[in-house]
Amino acid sequence: MRQEINYIDADGLDLNDEVVQINRTAKVMKGGRRFAFSALVVVGDGRGVVGLGFGKAREVPPSVEKGVTDAKKQLIKVNLRGGTVPHAIIGRFRASRIKIMPAAPGTGIIAGAPVRKVLEAAGVSDVLTKALGSKNPMNLAKATLVGLRNMKTRREIAERRGVDLS
């Protein structure tokens, strides 16, 4: 079951970007090693809009710029309840799974670095998480985004079931 993703336009949004991971690769040539860099970047407004991008270049700054540009093309709206998530959910991407659970105000973000950066960019301030399976930072960040994208509000669930909430 493939889900249609509704991306948000980045125009007019006050977005902050954060580098999740920078990776260096080397290609051995006749004259020595040639290095290339890839950057995983998350952008968000801290109020429920977040995007994840990936950029590659010969130097670090251009790879980060490409990652930011890519992330701005993939912005999504996240359903939040106050400073936490509406319900527990498991986000899956390849071999990584991330369990995201709501937390009481004042708890903070209990998560590893890649997951924390995605949640902070989305505007989540209180949440509990548990990484399962592969701990690859890129896959964990993408699994977090999948989990946040699949969050539903009470109203959306009621409409889907055909139930009246009053």
C-alpha atoms as a PDB file:
ATOM      1  CA  MET A   1       0.000   0.000   0.000  1.00  0.00           C
ATOM      2  CA  ARG A   2       1.809   3.074  -1.245  1.00  0.00           C
ATOM      3  CA  GLN A   3       0.844   6.367   0.379  1.00  0.00           C
ATOM      4  CA  GLU A   4       0.617   9.637  -1.552  1.00  0.00           C
ATOM      5  CA  ILE A   5       2.880  12.262   0.049  1.00  0.00           C
ATOM      6  CA  ASN A   6       1.753  15.887   0.123  1.00  0.00           C
ATOM      7  CA  TYR A   7       4.845  18.069   0.106  1.00  0.00           C
ATOM      8  CA  ILE A   8       4.760  21.667   1.375  1.00  0.00           C
ATOM      9  CA  ASP A   9       6.174  24.668  -0.487  1.00  0.00           C
ATOM     10  CA  ALA A  10       9.202  26.200   1.305  1.00  0.00           C
ATOM     11  CA  ASP A  11       8.347  29.789   0.274  1.00  0.00           C
ATOM     12  CA  GLY A  12       7.499  32.037   3.207  1.00  0.00           C
ATOM     13  CA  LEU A  13       8.634  29.561   5.877  1.00  0.00           C
ATOM     14  CA  ASP A  14      11.343  30.406   8.423  1.00  0.00           C
ATOM     15  CA  LEU A  15      13.395  27.216   8.127  1.00  0.00           C
ATOM     16  CA  ASN A  16      16.425  26.192  10.178  1.00  0.00           C
ATOM     17  CA  ASP A  17      18.822  23.572   8.834  1.00  0.00           C
ATOM     18  CA  GLU A  18      20.874  21.074  10.820  1.00  0.00           C
ATOM     19  CA  VAL A  19      23.501  18.632   9.519  1.00  0.00           C
ATOM     20  CA  VAL A  20      22.710  15.103  10.690  1.00  0.00           C
ATOM     21  CA  GLN A  21      25.734  13.347   9.207  1.00  0.00           C
ATOM     22  CA  ILE A  22      28.683  14.011   6.902  1.00  0.00           C
ATOM     23  CA  ASN A  23      30.293  11.039   5.212  1.00  0.00           C
ATOM     24  CA  ARG A  24      33.642  11.014   3.389  1.00  0.00           C
ATOM     25  CA  THR A  25      34.442   8.553   0.624  1.00  0.00           C
ATOM     26  CA  ALA A  26      37.740   8.056  -1.225  1.00  0.00           C
ATOM     27  CA  LYS A  27      38.399   6.983  -4.796  1.00  0.00           C
ATOM     28  CA  VAL A  28      41.952   5.854  -5.523  1.00  0.00           C
ATOM     29  CA  MET A  29      43.300   7.353  -8.736  1.00  0.00           C
ATOM     30  CA  LYS A  30      46.685   7.434 -10.466  1.00  0.00           C
ATOM     31  CA  GLY A  31      47.735  10.605  -8.636  1.00  0.00           C
ATOM     32  CA  GLY A  32      46.399   9.546  -5.213  1.00  0.00           C
ATOM     33  CA  ARG A  33      43.114   9.559  -3.384  1.00  0.00           C
ATOM     34  CA  ARG A  34      40.165  11.718  -4.479  1.00  0.00           C
ATOM     35  CA  PHE A  35      37.760  12.521  -1.672  1.00  0.00           C
ATOM     36  CA  ALA A  36      34.032  13.181  -1.970  1.00  0.00           C
ATOM     37  CA  PHE A  37      31.581  14.161   0.755  1.00  0.00           C
ATOM     38  CA  SER A  38      27.922  13.424   1.331  1.00  0.00           C
ATOM     39  CA  ALA A  39      25.744  15.337   3.785  1.00  0.00           C
ATOM     40  CA  LEU A  40      22.444  14.344   5.363  1.00  0.00           C
ATOM     41  CA  VAL A  41      20.597  17.524   6.339  1.00  0.00           C
ATOM     42  CA  VAL A  42      17.290  18.140   8.120  1.00  0.00           C
ATOM     43  CA  VAL A  43      15.346  21.404   7.803  1.00  0.00           C
ATOM     44  CA  GLY A  44      12.330  22.473   9.811  1.00  0.00           C
ATOM     45  CA  ASP A  45      10.459  25.446  11.208  1.00  0.00           C
ATOM     46  CA  GLY A  46      10.016  24.018  14.719  1.00  0.00           C
ATOM     47  CA  ARG A  47       6.218  24.201  14.327  1.00  0.00           C
ATOM     48  CA  GLY A  48       5.366  20.947  12.574  1.00  0.00           C
ATOM     49  CA  VAL A  49       7.113  21.300   9.191  1.00  0.00           C
ATOM     50  CA  VAL A  50      10.192  19.152   8.546  1.00  0.00           C
ATOM     51  CA  GLY A  51      12.178  17.787   5.592  1.00  0.00           C
ATOM     52  CA  LEU A  52      15.216  15.560   5.090  1.00  0.00           C
ATOM     53  CA  GLY A  53      17.722  15.988   2.254  1.00  0.00           C
ATOM     54  CA  PHE A  54      20.888  14.386   0.939  1.00  0.00           C
ATOM     55  CA  GLY A  55      23.658  16.104  -1.030  1.00  0.00           C
ATOM     56  CA  LYS A  56      26.958  14.961  -2.500  1.00  0.00           C
ATOM     57  CA  ALA A  57      29.938  17.025  -3.679  1.00  0.00           C
ATOM     58  CA  ARG A  58      33.755  17.178  -3.683  1.00  0.00           C
ATOM     59  CA  GLU A  59      33.767  19.601  -0.716  1.00  0.00           C
ATOM     60  CA  VAL A  60      31.709  19.764   2.476  1.00  0.00           C
ATOM     61  CA  PRO A  61      29.977  23.182   2.083  1.00  0.00           C
ATOM     62  CA  PRO A  62      28.530  22.447  -1.399  1.00  0.00           C
ATOM     63  CA  SER A  63      27.314  19.030  -0.232  1.00  0.00           C
ATOM     64  CA  VAL A  64      25.505  20.662   2.729  1.00  0.00           C
ATOM     65  CA  GLU A  65      23.961  23.289   0.406  1.00  0.00           C
ATOM     66  CA  LYS A  66      22.731  20.535  -1.931  1.00  0.00           C
ATOM     67  CA  GLY A  67      21.304  18.671   1.070  1.00  0.00           C
ATOM     68  CA  VAL A  68      19.422  21.789   2.239  1.00  0.00           C
ATOM     69  CA  THR A  69      18.024  22.331  -1.271  1.00  0.00           C
ATOM     70  CA  ASP A  70      16.897  18.692  -1.416  1.00  0.00           C
ATOM     71  CA  ALA A  71      15.321  18.888   2.052  1.00  0.00           C
ATOM     72  CA  LYS A  72      13.328  22.001   1.112  1.00  0.00           C
ATOM     73  CA  LYS A  73      11.804  20.049  -1.790  1.00  0.00           C
ATOM     74  CA  GLN A  74      10.627  17.302   0.587  1.00  0.00           C
ATOM     75  CA  LEU A  75       8.928  19.258   3.382  1.00  0.00           C
ATOM     76  CA  ILE A  76       6.023  17.561   5.125  1.00  0.00           C
ATOM     77  CA  LYS A  77       3.507  18.673   7.767  1.00  0.00           C
ATOM     78  CA  VAL A  78       3.637  16.711  11.033  1.00  0.00           C
ATOM     79  CA  ASN A  79       0.623  16.278  13.326  1.00  0.00           C
ATOM     80  CA  LEU A  80       1.614  17.307  16.853  1.00  0.00           C
ATOM     81  CA  ARG A  81      -0.328  17.558  20.118  1.00  0.00           C
ATOM     82  CA  GLY A  82       1.273  20.329  22.149  1.00  0.00           C
ATOM     83  CA  GLY A  83       4.984  19.551  22.350  1.00  0.00           C
ATOM     84  CA  THR A  84       4.627  15.812  21.817  1.00  0.00           C
ATOM     85  CA  VAL A  85       3.231  13.326  19.301  1.00  0.00           C
ATOM     86  CA  PRO A  86      -0.463  12.318  19.335  1.00  0.00           C
ATOM     87  CA  HIS A  87       0.157   8.575  19.730  1.00  0.00           C
ATOM     88  CA  ALA A  88       2.876   5.920  19.700  1.00  0.00           C
ATOM     89  CA  ILE A  89       3.997   4.721  16.277  1.00  0.00           C
ATOM     90  CA  ILE A  90       6.784   2.694  14.702  1.00  0.00           C
ATOM     91  CA  GLY A  91       8.522   4.227  11.671  1.00  0.00           C
ATOM     92  CA  ARG A  92      10.222   1.783   9.325  1.00  0.00           C
ATOM     93  CA  PHE A  93      12.838   2.394   6.658  1.00  0.00           C
ATOM     94  CA  ARG A  94      14.869  -0.497   5.264  1.00  0.00           C
ATOM     95  CA  ALA A  95      16.435  -2.388   8.221  1.00  0.00           C
ATOM     96  CA  SER A  96      15.846   0.431  10.736  1.00  0.00           C
ATOM     97  CA  ARG A  97      12.805   0.829  12.940  1.00  0.00           C
ATOM     98  CA  ILE A  98      12.156   3.659  15.383  1.00  0.00           C
ATOM     99  CA  LYS A  99       9.471   3.538  18.037  1.00  0.00           C
ATOM    100  CA  ILE A 100       8.192   7.050  18.834  1.00  0.00           C
ATOM    101  CA  MET A 101       6.105   7.438  21.991  1.00  0.00           C
ATOM    102  CA  PRO A 102       4.393  10.495  23.518  1.00  0.00           C
ATOM    103  CA  ALA A 103       5.828  11.846  26.777  1.00  0.00           C
ATOM    104  CA  ALA A 104       4.707  14.152  29.582  1.00  0.00           C
ATOM    105  CA  PRO A 105       5.685  17.853  29.421  1.00  0.00           C
ATOM    106  CA  GLY A 106       9.208  18.405  30.749  1.00  0.00           C
ATOM    107  CA  THR A 107      10.504  14.985  29.669  1.00  0.00           C
ATOM    108  CA  GLY A 108      12.570  16.336  26.784  1.00  0.00           C
ATOM    109  CA  ILE A 109      13.643  14.428  23.695  1.00  0.00           C
ATOM    110  CA  ILE A 110      14.954  11.010  24.706  1.00  0.00           C
ATOM    111  CA  ALA A 111      16.593   9.912  21.443  1.00  0.00           C
ATOM    112  CA  GLY A 112      19.875   9.310  19.657  1.00  0.00           C
ATOM    113  CA  ALA A 113      21.529  12.050  17.581  1.00  0.00           C
ATOM    114  CA  PRO A 114      19.932  11.500  14.125  1.00  0.00           C
ATOM    115  CA  VAL A 115      16.435  10.961  15.545  1.00  0.00           C
ATOM    116  CA  ARG A 116      16.811  13.912  17.949  1.00  0.00           C
ATOM    117  CA  LYS A 117      17.733  16.321  15.138  1.00  0.00           C
ATOM    118  CA  VAL A 118      14.709  15.321  13.043  1.00  0.00           C
ATOM    119  CA  LEU A 119      12.346  15.635  16.026  1.00  0.00           C
ATOM    120  CA  GLU A 120      13.804  19.010  17.090  1.00  0.00           C
ATOM    121  CA  ALA A 121      13.424  20.359  13.544  1.00  0.00           C
ATOM    122  CA  ALA A 122       9.793  19.196  13.529  1.00  0.00           C
ATOM    123  CA  GLY A 123       9.085  21.055  16.783  1.00  0.00           C
ATOM    124  CA  VAL A 124       8.693  18.078  19.112  1.00  0.00           C
ATOM    125  CA  SER A 125       9.890  18.913  22.637  1.00  0.00           C
ATOM    126  CA  ASP A 126       8.772  15.886  24.719  1.00  0.00           C
ATOM    127  CA  VAL A 127       9.051  12.369  23.316  1.00  0.00           C
ATOM    128  CA  LEU A 128      10.481   8.922  24.067  1.00  0.00           C
ATOM    129  CA  THR A 129      12.100   6.875  21.296  1.00  0.00           C
ATOM    130  CA  LYS A 130      13.708   3.482  20.863  1.00  0.00           C
ATOM    131  CA  ALA A 131      15.819   2.527  17.841  1.00  0.00           C
ATOM    132  CA  LEU A 132      15.381  -1.074  16.705  1.00  0.00           C
ATOM    133  CA  GLY A 133      17.240  -2.982  14.005  1.00  0.00           C
ATOM    134  CA  SER A 134      19.949  -1.163  12.061  1.00  0.00           C
ATOM    135  CA  LYS A 135      21.465   1.912  13.736  1.00  0.00           C
ATOM    136  CA  ASN A 136      22.541   3.466  10.410  1.00  0.00           C
ATOM    137  CA  PRO A 137      22.027   7.251  10.937  1.00  0.00           C
ATOM    138  CA  MET A 138      20.540   7.849   7.492  1.00  0.00           C
ATOM    139  CA  ASN A 139      18.041   5.014   7.800  1.00  0.00           C
ATOM    140  CA  LEU A 140      17.109   6.047  11.363  1.00  0.00           C
ATOM    141  CA  ALA A 141      16.470   9.643  10.242  1.00  0.00           C
ATOM    142  CA  LYS A 142      14.334   8.442   7.328  1.00  0.00           C
ATOM    143  CA  ALA A 143      12.448   5.989   9.576  1.00  0.00           C
ATOM    144  CA  THR A 144      11.720   8.875  11.972  1.00  0.00           C
ATOM    145  CA  LEU A 145      10.351  10.945   9.097  1.00  0.00           C
ATOM    146  CA  VAL A 146       8.170   8.021   7.953  1.00  0.00           C
ATOM    147  CA  GLY A 147       6.821   7.624  11.487  1.00  0.00           C
ATOM    148  CA  LEU A 148       6.066  11.351  11.793  1.00  0.00           C
ATOM    149  CA  ARG A 149       4.395  11.384   8.373  1.00  0.00           C
ATOM    150  CA  ASN A 150       2.094   8.513   9.396  1.00  0.00           C
ATOM    151  CA  MET A 151       0.923  10.253  12.593  1.00  0.00           C
ATOM    152  CA  LYS A 152      -2.833  10.808  12.582  1.00  0.00           C
ATOM    153  CA  THR A 153      -4.986  13.125  14.686  1.00  0.00           C
ATOM    154  CA  ARG A 154      -8.153  11.934  16.437  1.00  0.00           C
ATOM    155  CA  ARG A 155     -10.236  13.797  13.866  1.00  0.00           C
ATOM    156  CA  GLU A 156      -8.518  12.067  10.909  1.00  0.00           C
ATOM    157  CA  ILE A 157      -9.009   8.622  12.455  1.00  0.00           C
ATOM    158  CA  ALA A 158     -12.679   9.380  13.224  1.00  0.00           C
ATOM    159  CA  GLU A 159     -13.302  10.559   9.637  1.00  0.00           C
ATOM    160  CA  ARG A 160     -11.677   7.412   8.267  1.00  0.00           C
ATOM    161  CA  ARG A 161     -13.842   5.182  10.449  1.00  0.00           C
ATOM    162  CA  GLY A 162     -16.972   7.227   9.845  1.00  0.00           C
ATOM    163  CA  VAL A 163     -17.425   8.008  13.568  1.00  0.00           C
ATOM    164  CA  ASP A 164     -18.707  11.273  15.068  1.00  0.00           C
ATOM    165  CA  LEU A 165     -16.475  12.693  17.848  1.00  0.00           C
ATOM    166  CA  SER A 166     -19.178  14.799  19.533  1.00  0.00           C
END
